[in-house]
Amino acid sequence: MITLALSKGRIFEETVPLLKAAGIEVLDDPEKSRKLILETNQPHVRVLVVRATDVPTYVQYGGADLGITGKDTLLEHGSQGLYQPLDLQIAKCRISVAARADFDYVSAVKQGSRLKVATKYVAIARDFFASKGVHVDLIKLYGSMELAPLVGLADAIVDLVSTGNTLRANHLVEVEPIMEISSRLVVNQAALKLKQDPIRKIIDAFAGAIGQGT
């Protein structure tokens, strides 16, 4: 049995064509089904529906043989012991710093003053501002990041940005990009040795679908 860990939403939707290239079709819609283990048209392949931040953990500890997760998750939560054969170039976005339009971010950073930054990407934000020599007080939030500057909880936020519509709707502006993000295929190293042929077929099919060699 080959087990693939996926999260709901954009990553799942953009993985469907890649699975199809490998001859795999998921038999249930995760947005409509309450099942957490989804069968496929291949009796030896199943899909686990897990939180995006849990994908590396399931793969690392053998709960799944493969998984697809964002570069942001791998950087923030660690990728120890994971083989990363492919950047799948799906679910593309970026991590950026955003602030209220009336906040002079450039001056604040130049002056070296302390910034209050709200984010769920604490490790990424800490490393980024440290590389700039900027002192920051990090406030960890799990959602509704855009509220923090509006109510004075933080000067700025570090968050994923795709279209920028949510920022604009909340009167925030993107003041500095940190990095581009896309989703990666991660593989359990022990599983790759024990189930080399079926896993390699999936990797090769994905690589072919995105125009990359392995």
N, C-alpha and C. Protein backbone atom coordinates (compact mmCIF):
# COMPACT_ATOMS: atom_id res chain seq x y z
N MET A 1 0.84 -1.20 0.00
CA MET A 1 0.00 0.00 0.00
C MET A 1 0.88 1.26 0.00
N ILE A 2 0.57 2.18 -0.89
CA ILE A 2 1.24 3.48 -0.93
C ILE A 2 0.28 4.52 -0.38
N THR A 3 0.75 5.29 0.61
CA THR A 3 -0.09 6.29 1.26
C THR A 3 0.46 7.69 1.00
N LEU A 4 -0.40 8.56 0.48
CA LEU A 4 -0.03 9.94 0.15
C LEU A 4 -0.78 10.90 1.07
N ALA A 5 -0.06 11.78 1.75
CA ALA A 5 -0.67 12.76 2.65
C ALA A 5 -0.87 14.08 1.91
N LEU A 6 -2.11 14.58 1.95
CA LEU A 6 -2.47 15.85 1.30
C LEU A 6 -3.33 16.68 2.23
N SER A 7 -3.31 17.99 2.04
CA SER A 7 -4.23 18.86 2.76
C SER A 7 -5.33 19.32 1.82
N LYS A 8 -6.48 19.68 2.40
CA LYS A 8 -7.60 20.17 1.60
C LYS A 8 -7.26 21.50 0.96
N GLY A 9 -8.10 21.88 0.01
CA GLY A 9 -7.97 23.21 -0.59
C GLY A 9 -7.10 23.24 -1.83
N ARG A 10 -6.34 24.32 -1.96
CA ARG A 10 -5.63 24.60 -3.21
C ARG A 10 -4.61 23.51 -3.54
N ILE A 11 -3.86 23.04 -2.54
CA ILE A 11 -2.86 22.01 -2.82
C ILE A 11 -3.53 20.75 -3.34
N PHE A 12 -4.62 20.33 -2.72
CA PHE A 12 -5.33 19.13 -3.17
C PHE A 12 -5.81 19.31 -4.60
N GLU A 13 -6.45 20.44 -4.87
CA GLU A 13 -7.00 20.69 -6.20
C GLU A 13 -5.92 20.68 -7.28
N GLU A 14 -4.77 21.28 -6.97
CA GLU A 14 -3.72 21.38 -7.98
C GLU A 14 -2.88 20.10 -8.07
N THR A 15 -3.09 19.18 -7.11
CA THR A 15 -2.42 17.89 -7.17
C THR A 15 -3.18 16.90 -8.04
N VAL A 16 -4.49 17.11 -8.20
CA VAL A 16 -5.33 16.17 -8.95
C VAL A 16 -4.78 15.88 -10.36
N PRO A 17 -4.37 16.91 -11.14
CA PRO A 17 -3.82 16.61 -12.47
C PRO A 17 -2.51 15.80 -12.41
N LEU A 18 -1.71 16.02 -11.37
CA LEU A 18 -0.48 15.27 -11.22
C LEU A 18 -0.78 13.81 -10.92
N LEU A 19 -1.76 13.58 -10.07
CA LEU A 19 -2.17 12.21 -9.77
C LEU A 19 -2.70 11.53 -11.03
N LYS A 20 -3.47 12.28 -11.80
CA LYS A 20 -4.02 11.72 -13.03
C LYS A 20 -2.90 11.28 -13.97
N ALA A 21 -1.81 12.07 -14.02
CA ALA A 21 -0.67 11.70 -14.86
C ALA A 21 -0.04 10.40 -14.40
N ALA A 22 -0.22 10.09 -13.11
CA ALA A 22 0.30 8.84 -12.56
C ALA A 22 -0.74 7.72 -12.61
N GLY A 23 -1.89 8.01 -13.25
CA GLY A 23 -2.95 7.01 -13.35
C GLY A 23 -3.75 6.83 -12.08
N ILE A 24 -3.72 7.84 -11.22
CA ILE A 24 -4.41 7.75 -9.93
C ILE A 24 -5.55 8.76 -9.88
N GLU A 25 -6.73 8.29 -9.53
CA GLU A 25 -7.88 9.17 -9.35
C GLU A 25 -8.47 8.94 -7.96
N VAL A 26 -8.64 10.04 -7.22
CA VAL A 26 -9.23 9.95 -5.88
C VAL A 26 -10.74 9.79 -6.03
N LEU A 27 -11.33 8.84 -5.30
CA LEU A 27 -12.73 8.49 -5.51
C LEU A 27 -13.70 9.35 -4.71
N ASP A 28 -13.20 10.14 -3.77
CA ASP A 28 -14.06 11.02 -2.97
C ASP A 28 -13.56 12.46 -3.06
N ASP A 29 -14.50 13.40 -2.94
CA ASP A 29 -14.15 14.82 -2.88
C ASP A 29 -13.92 15.17 -1.41
N PRO A 30 -12.70 15.58 -1.03
CA PRO A 30 -12.44 15.86 0.38
C PRO A 30 -13.25 17.03 0.94
N GLU A 31 -13.74 17.90 0.04
CA GLU A 31 -14.54 19.03 0.50
C GLU A 31 -15.97 18.59 0.85
N LYS A 32 -16.38 17.44 0.34
CA LYS A 32 -17.74 16.97 0.59
C LYS A 32 -17.78 15.76 1.53
N SER A 33 -16.71 14.99 1.52
CA SER A 33 -16.67 13.78 2.35
C SER A 33 -16.08 14.08 3.72
N ARG A 34 -16.53 13.35 4.73
CA ARG A 34 -15.96 13.47 6.07
C ARG A 34 -14.84 12.45 6.28
N LYS A 35 -14.61 11.63 5.29
CA LYS A 35 -13.56 10.62 5.41
C LYS A 35 -12.19 11.29 5.45
N LEU A 36 -11.32 10.72 6.25
CA LEU A 36 -9.95 11.20 6.33
C LEU A 36 -8.98 10.32 5.56
N ILE A 37 -9.44 9.11 5.20
CA ILE A 37 -8.67 8.22 4.33
C ILE A 37 -9.49 8.01 3.07
N LEU A 38 -8.98 8.47 1.94
CA LEU A 38 -9.72 8.41 0.68
C LEU A 38 -9.14 7.32 -0.21
N GLU A 39 -10.00 6.48 -0.72
CA GLU A 39 -9.57 5.43 -1.64
C GLU A 39 -9.37 6.03 -3.03
N THR A 40 -8.59 5.34 -3.85
CA THR A 40 -8.38 5.77 -5.23
C THR A 40 -8.74 4.62 -6.17
N ASN A 41 -8.65 4.87 -7.46
CA ASN A 41 -8.93 3.82 -8.45
C ASN A 41 -7.83 2.76 -8.48
N GLN A 42 -6.74 3.03 -7.78
CA GLN A 42 -5.66 2.05 -7.66
C GLN A 42 -5.74 1.40 -6.28
N PRO A 43 -6.02 0.11 -6.19
CA PRO A 43 -6.23 -0.52 -4.89
C PRO A 43 -5.03 -0.43 -3.95
N HIS A 44 -3.86 -0.17 -4.50
CA HIS A 44 -2.66 -0.11 -3.66
C HIS A 44 -2.26 1.33 -3.30
N VAL A 45 -3.13 2.31 -3.64
CA VAL A 45 -2.82 3.72 -3.34
C VAL A 45 -4.00 4.34 -2.59
N ARG A 46 -3.68 5.04 -1.49
CA ARG A 46 -4.72 5.76 -0.75
C ARG A 46 -4.20 7.14 -0.39
N VAL A 47 -5.13 8.04 -0.06
CA VAL A 47 -4.79 9.42 0.26
C VAL A 47 -5.26 9.74 1.68
N LEU A 48 -4.37 10.28 2.49
CA LEU A 48 -4.73 10.77 3.82
C LEU A 48 -5.01 12.26 3.73
N VAL A 49 -6.10 12.71 4.32
CA VAL A 49 -6.43 14.14 4.37
C VAL A 49 -6.03 14.66 5.75
N VAL A 50 -4.98 15.49 5.78
CA VAL A 50 -4.46 16.00 7.04
C VAL A 50 -4.26 17.51 6.95
N ARG A 51 -4.02 18.14 8.09
CA ARG A 51 -3.71 19.58 8.09
C ARG A 51 -2.40 19.80 7.35
N ALA A 52 -2.29 20.92 6.66
CA ALA A 52 -1.09 21.21 5.88
C ALA A 52 0.18 21.14 6.74
N THR A 53 0.09 21.67 7.96
CA THR A 53 1.27 21.70 8.83
C THR A 53 1.64 20.30 9.33
N ASP A 54 0.73 19.33 9.21
CA ASP A 54 1.01 17.98 9.70
C ASP A 54 1.58 17.06 8.62
N VAL A 55 1.56 17.49 7.36
CA VAL A 55 2.02 16.62 6.28
C VAL A 55 3.46 16.15 6.50
N PRO A 56 4.42 17.05 6.81
CA PRO A 56 5.79 16.57 7.01
C PRO A 56 5.91 15.56 8.15
N THR A 57 5.12 15.74 9.21
CA THR A 57 5.17 14.84 10.36
C THR A 57 4.68 13.45 9.98
N TYR A 58 3.57 13.37 9.25
CA TYR A 58 3.04 12.07 8.82
C TYR A 58 4.06 11.35 7.95
N VAL A 59 4.72 12.09 7.07
CA VAL A 59 5.69 11.45 6.17
C VAL A 59 6.96 11.08 6.94
N GLN A 60 7.44 11.98 7.77
CA GLN A 60 8.68 11.72 8.50
C GLN A 60 8.58 10.47 9.38
N TYR A 61 7.43 10.30 10.04
CA TYR A 61 7.29 9.19 10.98
C TYR A 61 6.60 7.97 10.39
N GLY A 62 6.39 7.96 9.07
CA GLY A 62 5.91 6.77 8.40
C GLY A 62 4.40 6.59 8.38
N GLY A 63 3.65 7.61 8.81
CA GLY A 63 2.20 7.53 8.69
C GLY A 63 1.77 7.62 7.24
N ALA A 64 2.63 8.20 6.43
CA ALA A 64 2.42 8.28 4.98
C ALA A 64 3.76 8.05 4.30
N ASP A 65 3.72 7.53 3.10
CA ASP A 65 4.95 7.30 2.34
C ASP A 65 5.41 8.55 1.62
N LEU A 66 4.44 9.31 1.14
CA LEU A 66 4.72 10.55 0.41
C LEU A 66 3.75 11.63 0.90
N GLY A 67 4.09 12.86 0.61
CA GLY A 67 3.19 13.95 0.93
C GLY A 67 3.50 15.15 0.05
N ILE A 68 2.56 16.08 -0.01
CA ILE A 68 2.77 17.32 -0.76
C ILE A 68 2.46 18.47 0.19
N THR A 69 3.43 19.38 0.33
CA THR A 69 3.26 20.48 1.27
C THR A 69 4.05 21.68 0.79
N GLY A 70 3.70 22.85 1.30
CA GLY A 70 4.35 24.08 0.88
C GLY A 70 5.75 24.24 1.45
N LYS A 71 6.57 24.96 0.71
CA LYS A 71 7.92 25.27 1.18
C LYS A 71 7.86 25.99 2.52
N ASP A 72 6.83 26.83 2.73
CA ASP A 72 6.68 27.56 3.99
C ASP A 72 6.54 26.60 5.17
N THR A 73 5.76 25.53 4.97
CA THR A 73 5.57 24.55 6.03
C THR A 73 6.87 23.81 6.34
N LEU A 74 7.61 23.46 5.30
CA LEU A 74 8.87 22.75 5.50
C LEU A 74 9.89 23.62 6.22
N LEU A 75 9.93 24.91 5.88
CA LEU A 75 10.87 25.81 6.54
C LEU A 75 10.48 26.08 7.98
N GLU A 76 9.19 26.20 8.22
CA GLU A 76 8.72 26.57 9.56
C GLU A 76 8.70 25.40 10.52
N HIS A 77 8.34 24.22 10.01
CA HIS A 77 8.15 23.08 10.90
C HIS A 77 9.23 22.02 10.77
N GLY A 78 10.16 22.24 9.85
CA GLY A 78 11.28 21.32 9.73
C GLY A 78 11.05 20.26 8.67
N SER A 79 12.14 19.80 8.07
CA SER A 79 12.03 18.77 7.03
C SER A 79 13.07 17.68 7.26
N GLN A 80 13.41 17.47 8.54
CA GLN A 80 14.43 16.48 8.86
C GLN A 80 14.01 15.09 8.40
N GLY A 81 14.93 14.39 7.78
CA GLY A 81 14.67 13.01 7.40
C GLY A 81 13.77 12.85 6.19
N LEU A 82 13.46 13.93 5.50
CA LEU A 82 12.57 13.85 4.34
C LEU A 82 13.36 14.01 3.04
N TYR A 83 13.05 13.16 2.09
CA TYR A 83 13.60 13.29 0.74
C TYR A 83 12.68 14.19 -0.05
N GLN A 84 13.24 15.23 -0.68
CA GLN A 84 12.44 16.19 -1.44
C GLN A 84 12.85 16.15 -2.91
N PRO A 85 12.28 15.22 -3.67
CA PRO A 85 12.74 15.05 -5.05
C PRO A 85 12.25 16.11 -6.02
N LEU A 86 11.11 16.76 -5.72
CA LEU A 86 10.52 17.66 -6.72
C LEU A 86 9.91 18.91 -6.09
N ASP A 87 10.18 20.04 -6.75
CA ASP A 87 9.37 21.23 -6.54
C ASP A 87 8.26 21.15 -7.57
N LEU A 88 7.04 20.94 -7.12
CA LEU A 88 5.92 20.67 -8.04
C LEU A 88 5.39 21.93 -8.73
N GLN A 89 5.84 23.10 -8.29
CA GLN A 89 5.43 24.36 -8.93
C GLN A 89 3.91 24.55 -8.89
N ILE A 90 3.28 24.09 -7.80
CA ILE A 90 1.84 24.30 -7.63
C ILE A 90 1.61 25.11 -6.35
N ALA A 91 0.37 25.62 -6.22
CA ALA A 91 -0.03 26.43 -5.07
C ALA A 91 0.99 27.56 -4.82
N LYS A 92 1.33 28.25 -5.89
CA LYS A 92 2.35 29.30 -5.79
C LYS A 92 1.82 30.54 -5.08
N CYS A 93 2.66 31.12 -4.24
CA CYS A 93 2.35 32.37 -3.57
C CYS A 93 3.68 32.91 -3.04
N ARG A 94 3.63 33.80 -2.09
CA ARG A 94 4.86 34.32 -1.51
C ARG A 94 4.61 34.67 -0.05
N ILE A 95 5.68 34.70 0.71
CA ILE A 95 5.62 35.21 2.08
C ILE A 95 6.14 36.62 2.05
N SER A 96 5.37 37.53 2.62
CA SER A 96 5.74 38.94 2.58
C SER A 96 5.47 39.62 3.91
N VAL A 97 6.10 40.79 4.07
CA VAL A 97 5.78 41.68 5.18
C VAL A 97 4.71 42.64 4.70
N ALA A 98 3.69 42.85 5.52
CA ALA A 98 2.64 43.81 5.18
C ALA A 98 2.36 44.69 6.39
N ALA A 99 1.91 45.91 6.12
CA ALA A 99 1.62 46.86 7.19
C ALA A 99 0.51 47.80 6.74
N ARG A 100 0.03 48.61 7.67
CA ARG A 100 -0.95 49.62 7.31
C ARG A 100 -0.33 50.61 6.34
N ALA A 101 -1.15 51.14 5.45
CA ALA A 101 -0.64 52.06 4.43
C ALA A 101 0.01 53.30 5.04
N ASP A 102 -0.45 53.70 6.24
CA ASP A 102 0.09 54.93 6.85
C ASP A 102 1.27 54.66 7.78
N PHE A 103 1.76 53.39 7.80
CA PHE A 103 2.93 53.07 8.64
C PHE A 103 4.19 53.20 7.80
N ASP A 104 5.14 53.98 8.27
CA ASP A 104 6.38 54.20 7.52
C ASP A 104 7.36 53.06 7.81
N TYR A 105 7.16 51.96 7.12
CA TYR A 105 7.96 50.75 7.35
C TYR A 105 9.43 50.98 7.01
N VAL A 106 9.68 51.66 5.90
CA VAL A 106 11.06 51.87 5.45
C VAL A 106 11.84 52.64 6.51
N SER A 107 11.26 53.70 7.04
CA SER A 107 11.95 54.49 8.06
C SER A 107 12.15 53.68 9.33
N ALA A 108 11.13 52.92 9.71
CA ALA A 108 11.22 52.13 10.94
C ALA A 108 12.35 51.11 10.85
N VAL A 109 12.50 50.51 9.69
CA VAL A 109 13.56 49.51 9.50
C VAL A 109 14.93 50.20 9.45
N LYS A 110 15.01 51.32 8.77
CA LYS A 110 16.29 52.03 8.66
C LYS A 110 16.77 52.53 10.02
N GLN A 111 15.86 52.97 10.84
CA GLN A 111 16.23 53.52 12.14
C GLN A 111 16.64 52.43 13.12
N GLY A 112 16.36 51.18 12.76
CA GLY A 112 16.73 50.09 13.64
C GLY A 112 15.86 50.00 14.88
N SER A 113 14.70 50.64 14.84
CA SER A 113 13.80 50.56 15.99
C SER A 113 13.19 49.17 16.07
N ARG A 114 12.68 48.83 17.23
CA ARG A 114 12.04 47.52 17.41
C ARG A 114 10.70 47.52 16.69
N LEU A 115 10.43 46.44 16.00
CA LEU A 115 9.15 46.26 15.34
C LEU A 115 8.36 45.18 16.05
N LYS A 116 7.07 45.39 16.17
CA LYS A 116 6.18 44.33 16.64
C LYS A 116 5.58 43.66 15.40
N VAL A 117 5.84 42.37 15.24
CA VAL A 117 5.42 41.66 14.04
C VAL A 117 4.55 40.46 14.44
N ALA A 118 3.36 40.40 13.87
CA ALA A 118 2.45 39.28 14.12
C ALA A 118 2.56 38.28 12.97
N THR A 119 2.63 37.00 13.29
CA THR A 119 2.77 35.99 12.25
C THR A 119 2.56 34.60 12.82
N LYS A 120 2.24 33.65 11.95
CA LYS A 120 2.32 32.25 12.36
C LYS A 120 3.62 31.64 11.89
N TYR A 121 4.37 32.40 11.08
CA TYR A 121 5.67 31.94 10.57
C TYR A 121 6.79 32.54 11.41
N VAL A 122 6.86 32.12 12.65
CA VAL A 122 7.79 32.73 13.60
C VAL A 122 9.25 32.49 13.19
N ALA A 123 9.58 31.28 12.82
CA ALA A 123 10.97 30.97 12.45
C ALA A 123 11.40 31.74 11.20
N ILE A 124 10.53 31.75 10.20
CA ILE A 124 10.85 32.46 8.95
C ILE A 124 11.00 33.96 9.21
N ALA A 125 10.08 34.53 9.99
CA ALA A 125 10.14 35.97 10.29
C ALA A 125 11.39 36.30 11.10
N ARG A 126 11.69 35.47 12.09
CA ARG A 126 12.87 35.72 12.93
C ARG A 126 14.15 35.73 12.09
N ASP A 127 14.29 34.74 11.22
CA ASP A 127 15.49 34.65 10.38
C ASP A 127 15.58 35.84 9.41
N PHE A 128 14.43 36.21 8.85
CA PHE A 128 14.44 37.30 7.87
C PHE A 128 14.86 38.61 8.50
N PHE A 129 14.25 38.97 9.62
CA PHE A 129 14.58 40.26 10.24
C PHE A 129 15.98 40.24 10.85
N ALA A 130 16.41 39.09 11.34
CA ALA A 130 17.78 38.98 11.86
C ALA A 130 18.80 39.23 10.76
N SER A 131 18.50 38.74 9.55
CA SER A 131 19.42 38.94 8.42
C SER A 131 19.51 40.40 8.03
N LYS A 132 18.48 41.19 8.38
CA LYS A 132 18.47 42.62 8.07
C LYS A 132 18.99 43.46 9.25
N GLY A 133 19.27 42.78 10.37
CA GLY A 133 19.73 43.50 11.55
C GLY A 133 18.62 44.29 12.23
N VAL A 134 17.38 43.85 12.05
CA VAL A 134 16.24 44.54 12.63
C VAL A 134 15.76 43.77 13.87
N HIS A 135 15.57 44.48 14.97
CA HIS A 135 15.07 43.86 16.20
C HIS A 135 13.54 43.75 16.12
N VAL A 136 13.02 42.58 16.40
CA VAL A 136 11.57 42.38 16.32
C VAL A 136 11.05 41.67 17.57
N ASP A 137 9.86 42.05 17.96
CA ASP A 137 9.08 41.31 18.95
C ASP A 137 8.03 40.54 18.17
N LEU A 138 8.13 39.22 18.20
CA LEU A 138 7.23 38.39 17.40
C LEU A 138 6.02 37.97 18.22
N ILE A 139 4.87 38.14 17.62
CA ILE A 139 3.60 37.77 18.25
C ILE A 139 3.00 36.65 17.41
N LYS A 140 2.87 35.47 17.99
CA LYS A 140 2.36 34.33 17.22
C LYS A 140 0.84 34.34 17.20
N LEU A 141 0.30 34.35 15.99
CA LEU A 141 -1.14 34.23 15.78
C LEU A 141 -1.38 33.05 14.85
N TYR A 142 -2.59 32.51 14.88
CA TYR A 142 -2.91 31.36 14.04
C TYR A 142 -3.89 31.71 12.91
N GLY A 143 -4.43 32.90 12.94
CA GLY A 143 -5.36 33.29 11.89
C GLY A 143 -5.71 34.76 12.00
N SER A 144 -6.43 35.27 11.00
CA SER A 144 -6.85 36.68 10.95
C SER A 144 -5.68 37.62 11.22
N MET A 145 -4.58 37.32 10.56
CA MET A 145 -3.35 38.10 10.76
C MET A 145 -3.56 39.58 10.48
N GLU A 146 -4.43 39.88 9.50
CA GLU A 146 -4.61 41.26 9.05
C GLU A 146 -5.17 42.17 10.15
N LEU A 147 -5.80 41.57 11.15
CA LEU A 147 -6.36 42.38 12.23
C LEU A 147 -5.29 43.05 13.07
N ALA A 148 -4.15 42.38 13.23
CA ALA A 148 -3.15 42.82 14.20
C ALA A 148 -2.71 44.27 14.01
N PRO A 149 -2.36 44.71 12.79
CA PRO A 149 -1.97 46.12 12.64
C PRO A 149 -3.15 47.07 12.80
N LEU A 150 -4.35 46.60 12.50
CA LEU A 150 -5.52 47.48 12.53
C LEU A 150 -5.93 47.85 13.95
N VAL A 151 -5.62 46.98 14.91
CA VAL A 151 -6.02 47.24 16.30
C VAL A 151 -4.82 47.58 17.18
N GLY A 152 -3.65 47.78 16.55
CA GLY A 152 -2.48 48.18 17.31
C GLY A 152 -1.72 47.06 17.99
N LEU A 153 -2.08 45.83 17.69
CA LEU A 153 -1.37 44.70 18.29
C LEU A 153 0.04 44.57 17.72
N ALA A 154 0.20 44.94 16.44
CA ALA A 154 1.50 44.81 15.79
C ALA A 154 1.70 45.95 14.79
N ASP A 155 2.96 46.23 14.48
CA ASP A 155 3.27 47.22 13.45
C ASP A 155 3.12 46.63 12.06
N ALA A 156 3.42 45.34 11.96
CA ALA A 156 3.43 44.67 10.65
C ALA A 156 3.09 43.20 10.84
N ILE A 157 2.83 42.53 9.73
CA ILE A 157 2.59 41.09 9.76
C ILE A 157 3.50 40.41 8.74
N VAL A 158 3.76 39.15 8.95
CA VAL A 158 4.42 38.31 7.96
C VAL A 158 3.46 37.19 7.64
N ASP A 159 3.05 37.09 6.37
CA ASP A 159 2.02 36.13 6.02
C ASP A 159 2.14 35.75 4.54
N LEU A 160 1.39 34.70 4.17
CA LEU A 160 1.31 34.31 2.77
C LEU A 160 0.48 35.33 2.00
N VAL A 161 0.93 35.64 0.81
CA VAL A 161 0.19 36.54 -0.08
C VAL A 161 0.06 35.86 -1.43
N SER A 162 -1.16 35.83 -1.93
CA SER A 162 -1.39 35.26 -3.26
C SER A 162 -1.81 36.38 -4.20
N THR A 163 -3.06 36.82 -4.11
CA THR A 163 -3.54 37.91 -4.96
C THR A 163 -3.36 39.27 -4.31
N GLY A 164 -3.29 39.30 -2.98
CA GLY A 164 -3.22 40.57 -2.26
C GLY A 164 -4.58 41.17 -1.97
N ASN A 165 -5.64 40.47 -2.38
CA ASN A 165 -6.99 41.01 -2.18
C ASN A 165 -7.35 41.16 -0.71
N THR A 166 -6.94 40.18 0.11
CA THR A 166 -7.27 40.25 1.54
C THR A 166 -6.57 41.43 2.20
N LEU A 167 -5.32 41.66 1.81
CA LEU A 167 -4.60 42.82 2.36
C LEU A 167 -5.32 44.11 1.99
N ARG A 168 -5.65 44.25 0.71
CA ARG A 168 -6.32 45.48 0.26
C ARG A 168 -7.66 45.68 0.95
N ALA A 169 -8.40 44.60 1.13
CA ALA A 169 -9.71 44.71 1.78
C ALA A 169 -9.59 45.19 3.22
N ASN A 170 -8.42 44.97 3.82
CA ASN A 170 -8.21 45.38 5.21
C ASN A 170 -7.24 46.56 5.32
N HIS A 171 -7.08 47.28 4.21
CA HIS A 171 -6.30 48.53 4.19
C HIS A 171 -4.85 48.30 4.59
N LEU A 172 -4.29 47.16 4.15
CA LEU A 172 -2.88 46.88 4.36
C LEU A 172 -2.17 46.85 3.02
N VAL A 173 -0.86 47.08 3.05
CA VAL A 173 -0.06 47.03 1.83
C VAL A 173 1.12 46.10 2.04
N GLU A 174 1.53 45.47 0.97
CA GLU A 174 2.70 44.60 0.98
C GLU A 174 3.93 45.50 0.92
N VAL A 175 4.75 45.46 1.97
CA VAL A 175 5.88 46.39 2.03
C VAL A 175 7.22 45.74 1.69
N GLU A 176 7.31 44.41 1.81
CA GLU A 176 8.57 43.76 1.47
C GLU A 176 8.35 42.26 1.27
N PRO A 177 8.70 41.72 0.10
CA PRO A 177 8.60 40.28 -0.10
C PRO A 177 9.74 39.57 0.62
N ILE A 178 9.48 38.38 1.14
CA ILE A 178 10.51 37.59 1.81
C ILE A 178 10.97 36.44 0.92
N MET A 179 10.03 35.65 0.40
CA MET A 179 10.42 34.54 -0.48
C MET A 179 9.22 34.04 -1.27
N GLU A 180 9.51 33.46 -2.42
CA GLU A 180 8.49 32.80 -3.22
C GLU A 180 8.24 31.40 -2.64
N ILE A 181 6.98 30.98 -2.71
CA ILE A 181 6.57 29.70 -2.13
C ILE A 181 5.88 28.85 -3.19
N SER A 182 6.20 27.58 -3.22
CA SER A 182 5.44 26.60 -4.01
C SER A 182 5.43 25.30 -3.21
N SER A 183 4.74 24.30 -3.72
CA SER A 183 4.61 23.05 -2.96
C SER A 183 5.60 22.00 -3.44
N ARG A 184 6.09 21.21 -2.49
CA ARG A 184 7.12 20.20 -2.74
C ARG A 184 6.56 18.80 -2.48
N LEU A 185 7.09 17.85 -3.23
CA LEU A 185 6.83 16.45 -2.95
C LEU A 185 7.87 15.99 -1.93
N VAL A 186 7.39 15.41 -0.83
CA VAL A 186 8.30 14.88 0.20
C VAL A 186 8.06 13.39 0.34
N VAL A 187 9.14 12.65 0.58
CA VAL A 187 9.06 11.19 0.61
C VAL A 187 9.78 10.67 1.86
N ASN A 188 9.16 9.69 2.51
CA ASN A 188 9.80 9.01 3.63
C ASN A 188 10.97 8.18 3.10
N GLN A 189 12.16 8.38 3.66
CA GLN A 189 13.35 7.74 3.11
C GLN A 189 13.32 6.22 3.25
N ALA A 190 12.77 5.73 4.36
CA ALA A 190 12.67 4.28 4.54
C ALA A 190 11.69 3.68 3.53
N ALA A 191 10.57 4.38 3.31
CA ALA A 191 9.57 3.90 2.35
C ALA A 191 10.17 3.85 0.95
N LEU A 192 11.02 4.82 0.62
CA LEU A 192 11.62 4.85 -0.70
C LEU A 192 12.50 3.61 -0.94
N LYS A 193 13.11 3.11 0.11
CA LYS A 193 13.93 1.90 -0.02
C LYS A 193 13.07 0.65 -0.09
N LEU A 194 12.02 0.61 0.74
CA LEU A 194 11.20 -0.59 0.84
C LEU A 194 10.19 -0.71 -0.31
N LYS A 195 9.74 0.43 -0.84
CA LYS A 195 8.71 0.45 -1.88
C LYS A 195 9.22 1.24 -3.08
N GLN A 196 10.44 0.98 -3.45
CA GLN A 196 11.13 1.82 -4.43
C GLN A 196 10.41 1.90 -5.77
N ASP A 197 9.98 0.77 -6.32
CA ASP A 197 9.38 0.77 -7.66
C ASP A 197 8.09 1.58 -7.73
N PRO A 198 7.09 1.32 -6.86
CA PRO A 198 5.84 2.10 -6.97
C PRO A 198 6.03 3.58 -6.65
N ILE A 199 6.90 3.88 -5.68
CA ILE A 199 7.12 5.28 -5.35
C ILE A 199 7.86 5.99 -6.48
N ARG A 200 8.84 5.33 -7.05
CA ARG A 200 9.59 5.93 -8.15
C ARG A 200 8.70 6.18 -9.36
N LYS A 201 7.72 5.30 -9.60
CA LYS A 201 6.79 5.51 -10.70
C LYS A 201 5.97 6.77 -10.50
N ILE A 202 5.54 7.00 -9.26
CA ILE A 202 4.77 8.21 -8.95
C ILE A 202 5.65 9.45 -9.12
N ILE A 203 6.87 9.40 -8.59
CA ILE A 203 7.79 10.53 -8.73
C ILE A 203 8.04 10.84 -10.20
N ASP A 204 8.30 9.81 -10.99
CA ASP A 204 8.58 10.01 -12.42
C ASP A 204 7.36 10.57 -13.16
N ALA A 205 6.15 10.10 -12.78
CA ALA A 205 4.93 10.61 -13.42
C ALA A 205 4.72 12.08 -13.08
N PHE A 206 4.94 12.44 -11.83
CA PHE A 206 4.81 13.83 -11.42
C PHE A 206 5.84 14.70 -12.16
N ALA A 207 7.08 14.19 -12.23
CA ALA A 207 8.15 14.93 -12.91
C ALA A 207 7.80 15.17 -14.38
N GLY A 208 7.25 14.13 -15.01
CA GLY A 208 6.85 14.27 -16.41
C GLY A 208 5.74 15.28 -16.59
N ALA A 209 4.80 15.30 -15.64
CA ALA A 209 3.65 16.21 -15.74
C ALA A 209 4.06 17.67 -15.58
N ILE A 210 5.13 17.93 -14.83
CA ILE A 210 5.55 19.30 -14.64
C ILE A 210 6.77 19.65 -15.50
N GLY A 211 7.18 18.68 -16.34
CA GLY A 211 8.28 18.96 -17.26
C GLY A 211 9.64 18.97 -16.64
N GLN A 212 9.81 18.18 -15.56
CA GLN A 212 11.12 18.07 -14.92
C GLN A 212 11.61 16.64 -15.01
N GLY A 213 12.90 16.46 -15.18
CA GLY A 213 13.49 15.12 -15.12
C GLY A 213 13.87 14.80 -13.69
N THR A 214 14.04 13.53 -13.38
CA THR A 214 14.49 13.14 -12.05
C THR A 214 15.80 12.37 -12.15
